[in-house]
Structure formats: structure tokens, C-alpha cells
């Protein structure tokens, strides 16, 4: 059985997502489609416009068979964190055969070389990246500059989603074994066919018009940024020789030997109406969704409660000591979430990172917890948000082949029939707290479909 894994935010769901699902099903002839979706808070550092239940139902209506929730620390993390969580979750299910992601270029082989280069983390790459970020470049451009300096440039025309695509590939490749040349004397990177792509972006919406006979694929995320902190490296001028980083030919050779367990597909997109534009129209029309401004009161109260010492001691995800100091310095001028993130932003800190940092403070998402999750395998459970009744066989396959528990009812955890190992029980508690806050925001806004049951009593959406 061929099972597609697609990672989405669906904030909100639009025609690009529907086209993506349709294409993956029909052109790739996938038997089942599993969507890993961000929950009630998203990578932009904001609440989702619509609840995860609403978005899961829309995905099922549009062709998905099973919708799983990407845990909070990954859903609201920088690009590298987001990619690691989402890909690890899909891999851990034990049933996904193909991963679909989109890019500006659709050049999966070129992106694979970039991913192989980034795995080496040469001093030249790290130093170039650090300097580019310090100069004020946004992460995608800084990362592209670093890859180019390291001998593995992104393909011409690449933008933020190609950068994100290298993060997915990097996560896949990080667990690859390098096969013996005697066993695979001429093995090519596993992309014999021509690959196109369907795209679902946070800011850009697919589909792409591809030549007949080309393969297509899908993914999301113009607003994804990269890691908040770049390790200190040696000065780039010291690494200009051939020993600093593998030559381009060596990078190509290494990439050709990496054989991931899940076949990735990079898909070229076209620009149509963006998710951001749709959100703006929804807001202008008075849509009763949840918006960043709805976080103003709870965030302000939390910031007042904390001191600079607490911000540094608690080590909130994405909040460096310098950023903590700036948050405290600007706090007397706080009026609301959106005003404050503009106030805190500097040349060297992107708006997306500021938003994520403030959200992590509000939701108590800490770097120490993320480190503990990583040491324990990154993902410790998969929570079902929705599924089709005709796809129950997927649950059985995941239960037999998966590496972590599948949560269909939270009550099973209370009863003891489903056990979430430490430290992932803490991750689940974070998910539940975040969803409880989102439900409260919905009730405060008097949104018609706001849940009347607590998060712990919710059931998956069934269709």
C-alpha cells in the first residue's frame, strides 16, 4: 500500500490544498493520504485563524484519510525544528512511503545536495550563516548564501520554500545509512522520474502547471524561518581551501548514496492567491476567527509577571538573553501583541522569530523541554485529529508498525490503556494547555463552533 505523508498548516485551507490532495491521490496513485497538521498555534508565532477541528474536517472533505496533530513545540518552531518534528512523526508511523513537499524550483536533486552539505555543518557554512544573519538578512537568504559558500548552492530561482525543503531532506537523510559501494556501485539518488510539484504555502498557494508526464508533489511554508541561534564557527577566510568543505563533486557523490526510507518529492508551484491574502480578506470582512490581537491580554499579563531574570532562567524556546533583555526594555510601552512584536523587532531578529518567542513565553514552551524531546527521539506519540471511517485500516497498520503510541481518545491515557512515555507526557500537557487557551479565545469571541467540551474530552473528527 502506498501512503502519502503531507505536512500542512492550512491556515486557512484554500484551493491550493485541495488541488494538492487531489493531485497526490490521482497522479501519484496513492492509496492513503496522511496529513500532519499544525494544531491551534502555527509556525508564524500566531494562533491559527480557525480551530484544528475545523481545519481537520476541511482536509478530510478535501481528500485526506487521516489527520494528525504536529505537537506544539514543533508546530511553533523555527524551520529546522518544524521540519524535524513533522518528518520524524511521519517516519515513526511506519506506514508512510512518500513525503510530498513543494518548492519554487522543484529541483529535488539539487536540494538533496544542499541537504547533504548542511549535514556536514562545516565551519565555513556556519560562519557564513552567522555573518549573514548578523547583517540583517532573513534566514532563508542567509542560509542560501551559506550553502553557496559551502559549495552546494540552491538552484537558480530558489526562495524560502526551497530552503525549507532542504530541512525536510536533511531530516530524512540524517537517519540514512551510507550503503557499501560494492553493494550499490552506481546507485543514483532515488529520483529516476521527472519530478514536478504541487505547493501549499503559508504565503503562497499552489497548484503548479506541470508538463505532461511530470511527477507532482506538495508542501508548505513561505513564513518558515530558520534556527534562532547559530553555533560560533571559525572565520570564513580561514576555510577557503579545498579542505574546508567537500568539493561540489564530493557533495553530489554523497547525496547520491543517501537512501531515505521515505521517498521525497519536490514539487514546483505557481503563485496564486496566498494564504496571507486570504487571512487579510477574512479579517477585513469581520470574520469571527482568532487573530494575533486576541493574544494581547494574556500575553501582556504573562510578560508583566516575568522579569528579565526569569526570561533568561526559563530559557523559553527561541528567546536568547539579548532578546529577553529587549523584551523587558520595551515592556513599559506594551499595548497589544501586534504593536509589541513590531516594537521588539530589530535588524538582526526577524518578525517571525519575535512572534514565535512571544508565543513560546505565553505558552511556556522551553528550550530545555525541546532538548529532552530530541534526546528521547523527538516524537513520542501521534494524536489523531480526524479520520475517514473507510480508512480504519490505517490505524491498525500504524499500531503494528509505528514506533510510538497512537492517541485516538485522550481518555485512554487516563484509563492507562495508552501510555505516553516520559518526557513526552510533558509535550502532551503542553499541547492540551495550548488548546485550552485557544478554546477560551474562541468562547470569548463567541465563535459559533467553539467547543463546549474540555480538550481532554474531545473526540477525533470522523467522516
Protein backbone atom coordinates (compact mmCIF):
# COMPACT_ATOMS: atom_id res chain seq x y z
CA UNK A 1 0.00 0.00 0.00
CA UNK A 2 1.36 3.40 -0.97
CA UNK A 3 0.80 6.00 1.71
CA UNK A 4 1.48 9.69 1.18
CA UNK A 5 2.61 11.95 4.00
CA UNK A 6 1.91 15.67 3.62
CA UNK A 7 2.73 18.42 6.13
CA UNK A 8 0.40 21.42 6.27
CA UNK A 9 -0.73 24.34 8.38
CA UNK A 10 -3.93 25.03 6.41
CA UNK A 11 -4.14 28.49 7.87
CA UNK A 12 -6.64 28.70 6.26
CA UNK A 13 -7.35 25.84 3.86
CA UNK A 14 -7.70 27.02 0.26
CA UNK A 15 -7.87 25.73 -3.30
CA UNK A 16 -4.12 25.05 -3.35
CA UNK A 17 -4.50 22.49 -0.58
CA UNK A 18 -7.46 20.84 -2.29
CA UNK A 19 -5.58 20.65 -5.55
CA UNK A 20 -2.56 19.21 -3.78
CA UNK A 21 -4.58 16.42 -2.20
CA UNK A 22 -6.33 15.66 -5.47
CA UNK A 23 -3.05 15.51 -7.39
CA UNK A 24 -1.28 13.32 -4.86
CA UNK A 25 -4.19 10.89 -4.93
CA UNK A 26 -4.77 10.80 -8.66
CA UNK A 27 -1.42 11.45 -10.30
CA UNK A 28 0.72 9.60 -7.81
CA UNK A 29 -2.00 6.99 -7.29
CA UNK A 30 -1.58 6.96 -3.53
CA UNK A 31 -3.81 4.53 -1.65
CA UNK A 32 -3.95 6.65 1.51
CA UNK A 33 -3.07 10.22 2.43
CA UNK A 34 -1.93 11.16 5.92
CA UNK A 35 -1.70 14.86 6.75
CA UNK A 36 0.48 16.10 9.59
CA UNK A 37 -1.11 19.42 10.52
CA UNK A 38 -0.18 22.18 12.94
CA UNK A 39 -2.59 22.49 15.84
CA UNK A 40 -4.19 25.65 17.19
CA UNK A 41 -0.95 27.67 17.04
CA UNK A 42 1.26 27.90 13.98
CA UNK A 43 4.83 28.49 12.87
CA UNK A 44 4.28 32.20 12.25
CA UNK A 45 4.04 32.60 16.02
CA UNK A 46 0.30 33.23 15.92
CA UNK A 47 -2.94 31.42 16.66
CA UNK A 48 -4.49 29.62 13.71
CA UNK A 49 -7.39 31.57 12.21
CA UNK A 50 -9.64 28.51 12.56
CA UNK A 51 -9.54 25.71 15.10
CA UNK A 52 -7.68 22.49 14.41
CA UNK A 53 -11.01 20.58 14.44
CA UNK A 54 -12.44 22.85 11.73
CA UNK A 55 -9.32 22.55 9.60
CA UNK A 56 -9.10 18.78 10.08
CA UNK A 57 -12.70 18.42 8.89
CA UNK A 58 -11.94 20.52 5.81
CA UNK A 59 -8.94 18.33 5.00
CA UNK A 60 -10.99 15.15 5.27
CA UNK A 61 -13.63 16.65 2.99
CA UNK A 62 -10.85 17.52 0.52
CA UNK A 63 -9.36 14.04 0.28
CA UNK A 64 -7.20 13.30 3.32
CA UNK A 65 -7.72 9.94 5.03
CA UNK A 66 -6.09 10.69 8.37
CA UNK A 67 -5.13 13.99 10.03
CA UNK A 68 -2.57 14.03 12.83
CA UNK A 69 -1.55 16.92 15.05
CA UNK A 70 2.03 18.17 14.95
CA UNK A 71 2.96 18.74 18.62
CA UNK A 72 3.20 22.34 19.79
CA UNK A 73 7.00 22.75 20.19
CA UNK A 74 7.47 21.72 16.55
CA UNK A 75 4.41 23.42 15.08
CA UNK A 76 5.59 26.75 16.50
CA UNK A 77 9.30 26.14 15.99
CA UNK A 78 11.82 27.54 13.54
CA UNK A 79 12.16 25.82 10.18
CA UNK A 80 14.72 23.26 11.32
CA UNK A 81 12.61 22.39 14.38
CA UNK A 82 9.38 22.32 12.39
CA UNK A 83 10.89 20.01 9.77
CA UNK A 84 12.44 17.67 12.31
CA UNK A 85 9.19 17.22 14.20
CA UNK A 86 6.97 16.76 11.17
CA UNK A 87 9.24 14.38 9.25
CA UNK A 88 10.04 12.36 12.38
CA UNK A 89 6.33 11.98 13.13
CA UNK A 90 5.58 10.71 9.62
CA UNK A 91 8.58 8.37 9.66
CA UNK A 92 7.62 6.99 13.05
CA UNK A 93 4.20 5.89 11.84
CA UNK A 94 5.89 3.04 9.97
CA UNK A 95 3.47 3.22 7.03
CA UNK A 96 4.34 6.35 5.02
CA UNK A 97 6.07 5.55 1.73
CA UNK A 98 6.22 9.01 0.12
CA UNK A 99 6.75 12.52 1.51
CA UNK A 100 5.40 15.42 -0.53
CA UNK A 101 6.78 18.93 -0.28
CA UNK A 102 6.79 21.91 -2.55
CA UNK A 103 9.42 24.33 -3.68
CA UNK A 104 9.93 27.24 -6.00
CA UNK A 105 12.13 25.20 -8.33
CA UNK A 106 11.08 21.56 -7.94
CA UNK A 107 14.78 20.60 -8.29
CA UNK A 108 14.84 17.74 -5.82
CA UNK A 109 18.32 16.53 -6.76
CA UNK A 110 19.83 19.98 -6.27
CA UNK A 111 18.02 20.33 -2.96
CA UNK A 112 19.31 16.92 -1.89
CA UNK A 113 22.86 18.13 -2.46
CA UNK A 114 22.12 21.17 -0.31
CA UNK A 115 20.73 18.92 2.40
CA UNK A 116 23.83 16.71 2.29
CA UNK A 117 26.02 19.81 2.56
CA UNK A 118 24.08 21.16 5.53
CA UNK A 119 24.52 17.84 7.34
CA UNK A 120 28.29 18.36 7.31
CA UNK A 121 27.90 21.71 9.14
CA UNK A 122 31.30 22.92 8.01
CA UNK A 123 32.85 25.88 9.84
CA UNK A 124 32.60 27.85 6.60
CA UNK A 125 28.86 27.22 6.31
CA UNK A 126 28.22 28.10 9.96
CA UNK A 127 30.37 31.22 9.89
CA UNK A 128 28.84 32.48 6.63
CA UNK A 129 25.35 31.86 8.01
CA UNK A 130 26.15 33.66 11.27
CA UNK A 131 27.56 36.70 9.49
CA UNK A 132 24.67 36.87 7.05
CA UNK A 133 22.15 36.79 9.88
CA UNK A 134 24.07 39.45 11.79
CA UNK A 135 23.96 41.65 8.69
CA UNK A 136 20.18 41.59 8.89
CA UNK A 137 19.38 39.09 6.13
CA UNK A 138 16.27 36.97 6.73
CA UNK A 139 17.08 33.35 7.44
CA UNK A 140 16.18 31.86 4.02
CA UNK A 141 18.50 34.30 2.22
CA UNK A 142 21.24 33.90 4.81
CA UNK A 143 21.03 30.13 4.57
CA UNK A 144 21.17 30.25 0.77
CA UNK A 145 24.31 32.40 0.98
CA UNK A 146 25.91 29.93 3.40
CA UNK A 147 25.13 26.94 1.19
CA UNK A 148 26.63 28.70 -1.80
CA UNK A 149 29.81 29.48 0.15
CA UNK A 150 30.00 25.83 1.21
CA UNK A 151 29.89 24.55 -2.35
CA UNK A 152 26.25 23.48 -2.63
CA UNK A 153 24.22 26.46 -3.89
CA UNK A 154 20.46 26.35 -4.04
CA UNK A 155 19.16 26.08 -7.62
CA UNK A 156 18.54 29.28 -9.53
CA UNK A 157 15.22 30.87 -8.63
CA UNK A 158 15.13 29.25 -5.20
CA UNK A 159 13.28 31.03 -2.42
CA UNK A 160 12.13 30.32 1.13
CA UNK A 161 10.38 27.06 0.35
CA UNK A 162 13.44 25.55 -1.28
CA UNK A 163 15.33 26.42 1.89
CA UNK A 164 12.62 24.71 3.91
CA UNK A 165 12.74 21.74 1.55
CA UNK A 166 16.40 21.20 2.39
CA UNK A 167 15.34 20.94 6.05
CA UNK A 168 12.91 18.11 5.26
CA UNK A 169 15.54 16.32 3.20
CA UNK A 170 18.16 16.91 5.86
CA UNK A 171 15.90 15.29 8.45
CA UNK A 172 15.30 12.31 6.17
CA UNK A 173 18.99 11.97 5.39
CA UNK A 174 20.15 12.29 8.98
CA UNK A 175 18.94 8.75 9.66
CA UNK A 176 20.16 7.33 6.35
CA UNK A 177 22.87 4.72 6.19
CA UNK A 178 25.57 5.15 3.60
CA UNK A 179 25.42 1.91 1.56
CA UNK A 180 28.58 -0.02 0.65
CA UNK A 181 29.81 0.87 -2.79
CA UNK A 182 30.22 -2.85 -3.51
CA UNK A 183 26.52 -3.32 -2.91
CA UNK A 184 25.46 -0.15 -4.72
CA UNK A 185 28.24 0.50 -7.23
CA UNK A 186 26.37 3.04 -9.35
CA UNK A 187 23.40 3.88 -7.17
CA UNK A 188 21.81 7.17 -8.04
CA UNK A 189 19.80 9.36 -5.72
CA UNK A 190 16.35 7.73 -5.78
CA UNK A 191 14.67 10.12 -8.18
CA UNK A 192 14.66 8.45 -11.55
CA UNK A 193 11.47 10.11 -12.76
CA UNK A 194 10.93 13.74 -13.58
CA UNK A 195 9.51 15.47 -10.53
CA UNK A 196 7.26 18.44 -10.52
CA UNK A 197 5.27 19.69 -7.59
CA UNK A 198 2.09 20.97 -6.12
CA UNK A 199 2.53 23.60 -3.46
CA UNK A 200 0.71 24.65 -0.34
CA UNK A 201 2.25 27.66 1.22
CA UNK A 202 1.75 29.82 4.24
CA UNK A 203 2.10 32.77 1.95
CA UNK A 204 1.95 31.12 -1.48
CA UNK A 205 -0.66 28.80 -2.77
CA UNK A 206 -0.28 26.04 -5.40
CA UNK A 207 -1.08 24.37 -7.73
CA UNK A 208 1.61 24.33 -10.34
CA UNK A 209 1.08 23.72 -14.00
CA UNK A 210 3.48 20.91 -14.89
CA UNK A 211 4.32 19.34 -18.25
CA UNK A 212 2.51 16.16 -19.07
CA UNK A 213 4.26 13.13 -17.70
CA UNK A 214 6.00 15.01 -14.90
CA UNK A 215 5.50 13.93 -11.32
CA UNK A 216 3.99 16.23 -8.77
CA UNK A 217 4.18 16.73 -5.05
CA UNK A 218 3.39 19.09 -2.24
CA UNK A 219 4.25 21.12 0.80
CA UNK A 220 4.04 24.39 2.68
CA UNK A 221 5.63 27.37 4.19
CA UNK A 222 6.97 30.74 2.99
CA UNK A 223 6.86 32.14 6.51
CA UNK A 224 9.10 29.47 8.00
CA UNK A 225 12.31 30.83 9.41
CA UNK A 226 15.44 29.05 10.43
CA UNK A 227 17.23 28.26 13.65
CA UNK A 228 17.33 31.11 16.14
CA UNK A 229 20.91 30.52 17.28
CA UNK A 230 23.83 29.66 15.00
CA UNK A 231 26.86 27.99 16.62
CA UNK A 232 30.01 30.06 16.64
CA UNK A 233 32.35 28.97 13.87
CA UNK A 234 35.83 29.92 12.76
CA UNK A 235 36.34 32.84 10.43
CA UNK A 236 35.34 32.11 6.88
CA UNK A 237 38.61 33.40 5.43
CA UNK A 238 40.43 30.51 7.06
CA UNK A 239 38.35 27.96 5.14
CA UNK A 240 38.71 28.97 1.55
CA UNK A 241 40.88 25.99 0.66
CA UNK A 242 39.64 22.69 -0.76
CA UNK A 243 39.83 21.01 2.64
CA UNK A 244 37.29 23.36 4.17
CA UNK A 245 34.33 21.60 2.66
CA UNK A 246 33.84 18.75 0.21
CA UNK A 247 34.09 19.83 -3.40
CA UNK A 248 30.89 20.04 -5.39
CA UNK A 249 31.58 16.64 -6.92
CA UNK A 250 32.03 15.08 -3.48
CA UNK A 251 28.77 16.62 -2.30
CA UNK A 252 26.96 15.19 -5.32
CA UNK A 253 28.51 11.78 -4.68
CA UNK A 254 27.48 11.75 -1.04
CA UNK A 255 23.94 12.84 -1.88
CA UNK A 256 23.68 10.06 -4.44
CA UNK A 257 24.41 7.47 -1.76
CA UNK A 258 21.86 8.67 0.77
CA UNK A 259 18.82 6.42 0.60
CA UNK A 260 15.92 7.57 2.78
CA UNK A 261 13.23 5.14 3.89
CA UNK A 262 10.54 7.55 2.64
CA UNK A 263 10.74 8.79 -0.93
CA UNK A 264 10.56 12.61 -1.04
CA UNK A 265 9.10 14.59 -3.92
CA UNK A 266 9.84 18.27 -4.53
CA UNK A 267 7.13 19.99 -6.50
CA UNK A 268 7.28 23.24 -8.38
CA UNK A 269 4.49 25.64 -7.55
CA UNK A 270 2.92 28.64 -9.15
CA UNK A 271 1.76 31.75 -7.36
CA UNK A 272 -1.94 32.18 -6.94
CA UNK A 273 -3.91 33.74 -4.14
CA UNK A 274 -1.85 33.41 -0.95
CA UNK A 275 -2.94 32.27 2.48
CA UNK A 276 -1.82 35.62 3.86
CA UNK A 277 -4.03 37.47 1.40
CA UNK A 278 -6.96 35.22 2.32
CA UNK A 279 -6.39 35.92 6.01
CA UNK A 280 -6.32 39.66 5.34
CA UNK A 281 -9.63 39.50 3.47
CA UNK A 282 -11.16 37.41 6.25
CA UNK A 283 -10.04 39.95 8.80
CA UNK A 284 -11.23 42.93 6.77
CA UNK A 285 -14.62 41.29 6.35
CA UNK A 286 -15.02 40.91 10.10
CA UNK A 287 -14.59 37.12 10.10
CA UNK A 288 -15.02 35.72 13.62
CA UNK A 289 -11.71 33.90 13.50
CA UNK A 290 -8.90 34.01 16.04
CA UNK A 291 -6.27 36.67 15.36
CA UNK A 292 -2.91 37.69 16.90
CA UNK A 293 -4.61 40.59 18.68
CA UNK A 294 -6.64 38.06 20.68
CA UNK A 295 -3.40 37.14 22.48
CA UNK A 296 -2.81 40.71 23.66
CA UNK A 297 -4.31 40.45 27.15
CA UNK A 298 -2.95 37.02 28.19
CA UNK A 299 0.50 37.82 26.76
CA UNK A 300 0.65 41.20 28.48
CA UNK A 301 -0.30 39.62 31.79
CA UNK A 302 2.36 36.93 31.41
CA UNK A 303 5.09 39.43 30.50
CA UNK A 304 4.24 41.61 33.50
CA UNK A 305 4.54 38.56 35.73
CA UNK A 306 8.00 37.71 34.41
CA UNK A 307 11.26 39.56 34.96
CA UNK A 308 14.34 39.64 32.75
CA UNK A 309 15.97 37.12 35.09
CA UNK A 310 13.01 34.78 34.70
CA UNK A 311 13.05 35.11 30.92
CA UNK A 312 16.72 34.11 30.83
CA UNK A 313 16.45 31.43 33.52
CA UNK A 314 13.42 29.73 31.99
CA UNK A 315 15.14 29.51 28.58
CA UNK A 316 12.00 29.83 26.51
CA UNK A 317 12.32 28.41 23.02
CA UNK A 318 13.78 31.00 20.58
CA UNK A 319 14.35 33.56 23.38
CA UNK A 320 18.05 34.40 23.63
CA UNK A 321 19.38 36.51 26.52
CA UNK A 322 19.67 39.53 24.20
CA UNK A 323 16.09 39.12 23.04
CA UNK A 324 14.90 38.67 26.63
CA UNK A 325 16.60 41.92 27.58
CA UNK A 326 14.97 43.73 24.67
CA UNK A 327 11.53 42.38 25.55
CA UNK A 328 11.92 43.67 29.09
CA UNK A 329 13.23 47.03 27.87
CA UNK A 330 10.22 47.50 25.58
CA UNK A 331 7.64 46.17 28.04
CA UNK A 332 6.63 49.59 29.52
CA UNK A 333 5.37 50.54 26.03
CA UNK A 334 3.29 47.35 25.61
CA UNK A 335 -0.26 47.88 24.36
CA UNK A 336 -1.04 44.75 22.33
CA UNK A 337 0.58 41.72 20.72
CA UNK A 338 0.92 43.12 17.23
CA UNK A 339 2.23 46.52 18.34
CA UNK A 340 4.72 44.92 20.70
CA UNK A 341 6.27 42.49 18.21
CA UNK A 342 6.95 45.43 15.87
CA UNK A 343 8.50 47.31 18.77
CA UNK A 344 10.74 44.39 19.78
CA UNK A 345 11.92 43.55 16.24
CA UNK A 346 15.43 44.61 15.28
CA UNK A 347 17.53 44.33 12.15
CA UNK A 348 19.05 41.08 13.36
CA UNK A 349 15.84 39.46 14.61
CA UNK A 350 13.05 38.64 12.15
CA UNK A 351 9.42 39.38 12.87
CA UNK A 352 8.64 35.68 12.69
CA UNK A 353 11.17 34.90 15.39
CA UNK A 354 9.87 37.69 17.63
CA UNK A 355 6.32 36.37 17.23
CA UNK A 356 7.41 32.81 17.98
CA UNK A 357 9.37 33.96 21.00
CA UNK A 358 6.41 35.83 22.47
CA UNK A 359 4.14 32.87 21.78
CA UNK A 360 6.59 30.50 23.49
CA UNK A 361 6.66 32.74 26.55
CA UNK A 362 2.87 32.77 26.68
CA UNK A 363 2.55 29.01 26.18
CA UNK A 364 5.58 28.12 28.36
CA UNK A 365 7.46 26.32 25.59
CA UNK A 366 11.03 25.89 26.81
CA UNK A 367 14.29 25.02 25.09
CA UNK A 368 15.15 22.52 27.82
CA UNK A 369 11.98 20.57 27.06
CA UNK A 370 12.77 20.54 23.33
CA UNK A 371 16.26 19.25 24.08
CA UNK A 372 14.82 16.48 26.25
CA UNK A 373 12.41 15.51 23.47
CA UNK A 374 15.26 15.39 20.98
CA UNK A 375 17.33 13.14 23.19
CA UNK A 376 14.36 10.80 23.56
CA UNK A 377 13.67 10.60 19.82
CA UNK A 378 11.84 13.91 19.11
CA UNK A 379 8.32 12.43 18.88
CA UNK A 380 6.64 10.19 21.46
CA UNK A 381 3.05 9.95 20.23
CA UNK A 382 0.76 10.73 17.32
CA UNK A 383 -2.58 12.31 18.13
CA UNK A 384 -5.45 11.76 15.70
CA UNK A 385 -7.43 14.92 14.91
CA UNK A 386 -9.67 13.34 12.30
CA UNK A 387 -10.10 10.34 10.04
CA UNK A 388 -12.37 8.76 7.49
CA UNK A 389 -14.32 5.73 8.63
CA UNK A 390 -13.22 3.94 5.46
CA UNK A 391 -9.57 4.33 6.48
CA UNK A 392 -9.61 2.49 9.79
CA UNK A 393 -7.10 0.04 8.32
CA UNK A 394 -4.52 2.81 8.60
CA UNK A 395 -4.85 2.83 12.38
CA UNK A 396 -4.22 -0.90 12.53
CA UNK A 397 -1.16 -0.61 10.28
CA UNK A 398 0.25 2.23 12.37
CA UNK A 399 -0.38 0.31 15.60
CA UNK A 400 1.54 -2.66 14.21
CA UNK A 401 4.38 -0.79 12.55
CA UNK A 402 4.69 2.51 14.40
CA UNK A 403 7.37 3.36 16.93
CA UNK A 404 5.16 5.35 19.32
CA UNK A 405 1.57 5.28 20.65
CA UNK A 406 -1.33 6.48 18.52
CA UNK A 407 -3.79 8.58 20.52
CA UNK A 408 -7.38 8.42 19.30
CA UNK A 409 -9.03 9.22 22.66
CA UNK A 410 -7.33 11.13 25.45
CA UNK A 411 -9.48 9.22 27.91
CA UNK A 412 -7.41 6.11 27.06
CA UNK A 413 -4.41 7.77 28.68
CA UNK A 414 -6.33 8.45 31.86
CA UNK A 415 -7.52 4.85 31.93
CA UNK A 416 -3.99 3.59 31.38
CA UNK A 417 -4.74 1.72 28.16
CA UNK A 418 -2.45 4.14 26.28
CA UNK A 419 0.84 5.05 27.92
CA UNK A 420 2.83 8.11 26.85
CA UNK A 421 6.47 7.68 27.86
CA UNK A 422 8.44 10.41 29.61
CA UNK A 423 9.34 13.12 28.61
CA UNK A 424 6.57 13.14 26.00
CA UNK A 425 3.88 13.26 28.66
CA UNK A 426 5.12 16.83 29.23
CA UNK A 427 4.78 17.52 25.49
CA UNK A 428 1.18 16.31 25.56
CA UNK A 429 0.40 18.50 28.55
CA UNK A 430 1.77 21.48 26.61
CA UNK A 431 -0.48 20.60 23.66
CA UNK A 432 -3.52 20.40 25.95
CA UNK A 433 -2.77 23.70 27.70
CA UNK A 434 -2.35 25.48 24.38
CA UNK A 435 -5.62 24.06 23.05
CA UNK A 436 -7.43 25.03 26.25
CA UNK A 437 -6.26 28.62 25.77
CA UNK A 438 -7.40 28.57 22.14
CA UNK A 439 -10.82 27.24 23.16
CA UNK A 440 -11.09 30.07 25.70
CA UNK A 441 -10.26 32.62 23.00
CA UNK A 442 -13.00 31.14 20.81
CA UNK A 443 -15.58 31.33 23.57
CA UNK A 444 -14.57 34.90 24.33
CA UNK A 445 -15.08 35.79 20.67
CA UNK A 446 -18.39 33.88 20.71
CA UNK A 447 -17.39 31.84 17.69
CA UNK A 448 -20.37 29.62 16.77
CA UNK A 449 -18.44 26.32 16.55
CA UNK A 450 -16.43 26.93 19.73
CA UNK A 451 -16.19 23.62 21.62
CA UNK A 452 -18.47 23.05 24.58
CA UNK A 453 -16.33 20.21 25.95
CA UNK A 454 -12.86 20.43 27.52
CA UNK A 455 -9.86 19.47 25.41
CA UNK A 456 -9.31 16.22 27.32
CA UNK A 457 -12.82 15.03 26.38
CA UNK A 458 -12.67 15.80 22.66
CA UNK A 459 -13.10 13.05 20.09
CA UNK A 460 -11.49 12.91 16.63
CA UNK A 461 -13.47 14.30 13.71
CA UNK A 462 -15.00 11.30 11.88
CA UNK A 463 -16.29 11.27 8.30
